[in-house]
Amino acid sequence: MKNLKKLSKKDLKKINGGSAPECPAGYKPCLTIDENDQLKWTCIWSTFSCNP
């Protein structure tokens, strides 16, 4: 853990993803890629694997 670099606020704001949504029972949050190649959170069935 010694080699960790401290991130600036500017760099932190560029990180995609953010907070995962609260999903209903039987679903789980998953990062997906939309038609514009942007990452976004969605809720998928718990039985599916999460592949961005």
N, C-alpha and C. Protein backbone atom coordinates (compact mmCIF):
# COMPACT_ATOMS: atom_id res chain seq x y z
N MET A 1 0.81 -1.20 0.00
CA MET A 1 0.00 0.00 0.00
C MET A 1 0.86 1.26 0.00
N LYS A 2 2.18 1.13 0.01
CA LYS A 2 3.04 2.30 0.05
C LYS A 2 3.02 3.08 -1.26
N ASN A 3 2.81 2.41 -2.36
CA ASN A 3 2.96 3.05 -3.66
C ASN A 3 1.68 3.71 -4.18
N LEU A 4 0.71 3.89 -3.32
CA LEU A 4 -0.53 4.53 -3.76
C LEU A 4 -0.31 6.01 -4.00
N LYS A 5 -0.87 6.51 -5.08
CA LYS A 5 -0.77 7.92 -5.43
C LYS A 5 -2.02 8.64 -4.94
N LYS A 6 -1.85 9.77 -4.30
CA LYS A 6 -2.99 10.56 -3.86
C LYS A 6 -3.60 11.25 -5.07
N LEU A 7 -4.92 11.11 -5.24
CA LEU A 7 -5.60 11.70 -6.39
C LEU A 7 -6.08 13.11 -6.06
N SER A 8 -5.96 13.99 -7.04
CA SER A 8 -6.46 15.35 -6.86
C SER A 8 -7.97 15.36 -7.06
N LYS A 9 -8.62 16.44 -6.64
CA LYS A 9 -10.07 16.56 -6.83
C LYS A 9 -10.42 16.51 -8.31
N LYS A 10 -9.58 17.12 -9.13
CA LYS A 10 -9.80 17.14 -10.58
C LYS A 10 -9.83 15.71 -11.12
N ASP A 11 -8.87 14.88 -10.69
CA ASP A 11 -8.82 13.49 -11.14
C ASP A 11 -10.00 12.69 -10.61
N LEU A 12 -10.39 12.94 -9.38
CA LEU A 12 -11.52 12.21 -8.79
C LEU A 12 -12.81 12.48 -9.54
N LYS A 13 -12.99 13.71 -10.02
CA LYS A 13 -14.20 14.06 -10.75
C LYS A 13 -14.28 13.38 -12.11
N LYS A 14 -13.14 12.93 -12.65
CA LYS A 14 -13.11 12.28 -13.96
C LYS A 14 -13.45 10.80 -13.88
N ILE A 15 -13.47 10.23 -12.69
CA ILE A 15 -13.72 8.80 -12.53
C ILE A 15 -15.18 8.50 -12.86
N ASN A 16 -15.40 7.57 -13.77
CA ASN A 16 -16.75 7.17 -14.16
C ASN A 16 -17.30 6.16 -13.17
N GLY A 17 -18.59 6.07 -13.12
CA GLY A 17 -19.21 5.07 -12.27
C GLY A 17 -20.03 5.69 -11.19
N GLY A 18 -19.39 6.33 -10.25
CA GLY A 18 -20.13 6.94 -9.15
C GLY A 18 -20.74 5.89 -8.26
N SER A 19 -21.80 6.23 -7.63
CA SER A 19 -22.46 5.32 -6.70
C SER A 19 -23.36 4.36 -7.46
N ALA A 20 -23.34 3.12 -7.02
CA ALA A 20 -24.22 2.13 -7.62
C ALA A 20 -25.65 2.40 -7.18
N PRO A 21 -26.61 2.14 -8.06
CA PRO A 21 -28.01 2.38 -7.70
C PRO A 21 -28.52 1.33 -6.72
N GLU A 22 -29.58 1.67 -6.01
CA GLU A 22 -30.25 0.68 -5.17
C GLU A 22 -31.20 -0.09 -6.07
N CYS A 23 -31.02 -1.39 -6.13
CA CYS A 23 -31.83 -2.22 -7.00
C CYS A 23 -32.87 -2.99 -6.18
N PRO A 24 -34.01 -3.32 -6.80
CA PRO A 24 -35.03 -4.09 -6.09
C PRO A 24 -34.55 -5.51 -5.79
N ALA A 25 -35.29 -6.21 -4.97
CA ALA A 25 -34.94 -7.59 -4.61
C ALA A 25 -34.86 -8.45 -5.87
N GLY A 26 -33.83 -9.29 -5.94
CA GLY A 26 -33.65 -10.15 -7.10
C GLY A 26 -32.80 -9.54 -8.20
N TYR A 27 -32.39 -8.29 -8.02
CA TYR A 27 -31.55 -7.59 -8.99
C TYR A 27 -30.25 -7.14 -8.33
N LYS A 28 -29.24 -6.87 -9.15
CA LYS A 28 -27.98 -6.34 -8.63
C LYS A 28 -27.49 -5.21 -9.54
N PRO A 29 -26.72 -4.26 -8.98
CA PRO A 29 -26.19 -3.17 -9.82
C PRO A 29 -25.06 -3.68 -10.70
N CYS A 30 -25.00 -3.14 -11.91
CA CYS A 30 -23.98 -3.56 -12.87
C CYS A 30 -23.60 -2.37 -13.76
N LEU A 31 -22.31 -2.22 -14.02
CA LEU A 31 -21.84 -1.19 -14.95
C LEU A 31 -21.96 -1.73 -16.37
N THR A 32 -22.59 -0.98 -17.25
CA THR A 32 -22.72 -1.37 -18.65
C THR A 32 -22.22 -0.24 -19.54
N ILE A 33 -22.05 -0.53 -20.81
CA ILE A 33 -21.60 0.47 -21.78
C ILE A 33 -22.78 0.78 -22.70
N ASP A 34 -23.13 2.07 -22.82
CA ASP A 34 -24.26 2.44 -23.67
C ASP A 34 -23.80 2.62 -25.12
N GLU A 35 -24.72 3.06 -25.98
CA GLU A 35 -24.42 3.19 -27.42
C GLU A 35 -23.36 4.25 -27.72
N ASN A 36 -23.10 5.16 -26.77
CA ASN A 36 -22.07 6.20 -26.95
C ASN A 36 -20.76 5.82 -26.28
N ASP A 37 -20.59 4.55 -25.95
CA ASP A 37 -19.39 4.03 -25.27
C ASP A 37 -19.15 4.69 -23.92
N GLN A 38 -20.21 5.09 -23.24
CA GLN A 38 -20.12 5.66 -21.90
C GLN A 38 -20.54 4.60 -20.90
N LEU A 39 -19.87 4.57 -19.75
CA LEU A 39 -20.25 3.64 -18.69
C LEU A 39 -21.46 4.17 -17.95
N LYS A 40 -22.39 3.29 -17.62
CA LYS A 40 -23.55 3.70 -16.83
C LYS A 40 -24.01 2.53 -15.97
N TRP A 41 -24.63 2.84 -14.84
CA TRP A 41 -25.14 1.83 -13.93
C TRP A 41 -26.53 1.41 -14.36
N THR A 42 -26.80 0.11 -14.28
CA THR A 42 -28.14 -0.43 -14.47
C THR A 42 -28.36 -1.55 -13.46
N CYS A 43 -29.59 -1.96 -13.31
CA CYS A 43 -29.93 -3.09 -12.44
C CYS A 43 -30.23 -4.29 -13.34
N ILE A 44 -29.55 -5.40 -13.06
CA ILE A 44 -29.78 -6.63 -13.82
C ILE A 44 -30.20 -7.73 -12.85
N TRP A 45 -30.79 -8.81 -13.40
CA TRP A 45 -31.17 -9.93 -12.55
C TRP A 45 -29.95 -10.50 -11.87
N SER A 46 -30.11 -10.95 -10.66
CA SER A 46 -29.00 -11.48 -9.87
C SER A 46 -28.38 -12.72 -10.50
N THR A 47 -29.13 -13.42 -11.33
CA THR A 47 -28.61 -14.65 -11.94
C THR A 47 -27.70 -14.37 -13.13
N PHE A 48 -27.73 -13.15 -13.67
CA PHE A 48 -26.87 -12.79 -14.81
C PHE A 48 -25.50 -12.34 -14.32
N SER A 49 -24.48 -12.54 -15.17
CA SER A 49 -23.15 -12.03 -14.84
C SER A 49 -23.04 -10.59 -15.32
N CYS A 50 -22.18 -9.85 -14.68
CA CYS A 50 -22.02 -8.43 -14.98
C CYS A 50 -20.79 -8.24 -15.87
N ASN A 51 -21.01 -8.02 -17.18
CA ASN A 51 -19.91 -7.84 -18.13
C ASN A 51 -20.04 -6.50 -18.83
N PRO A 52 -19.18 -5.52 -18.45
CA PRO A 52 -19.27 -4.21 -19.13
C PRO A 52 -18.79 -4.27 -20.56
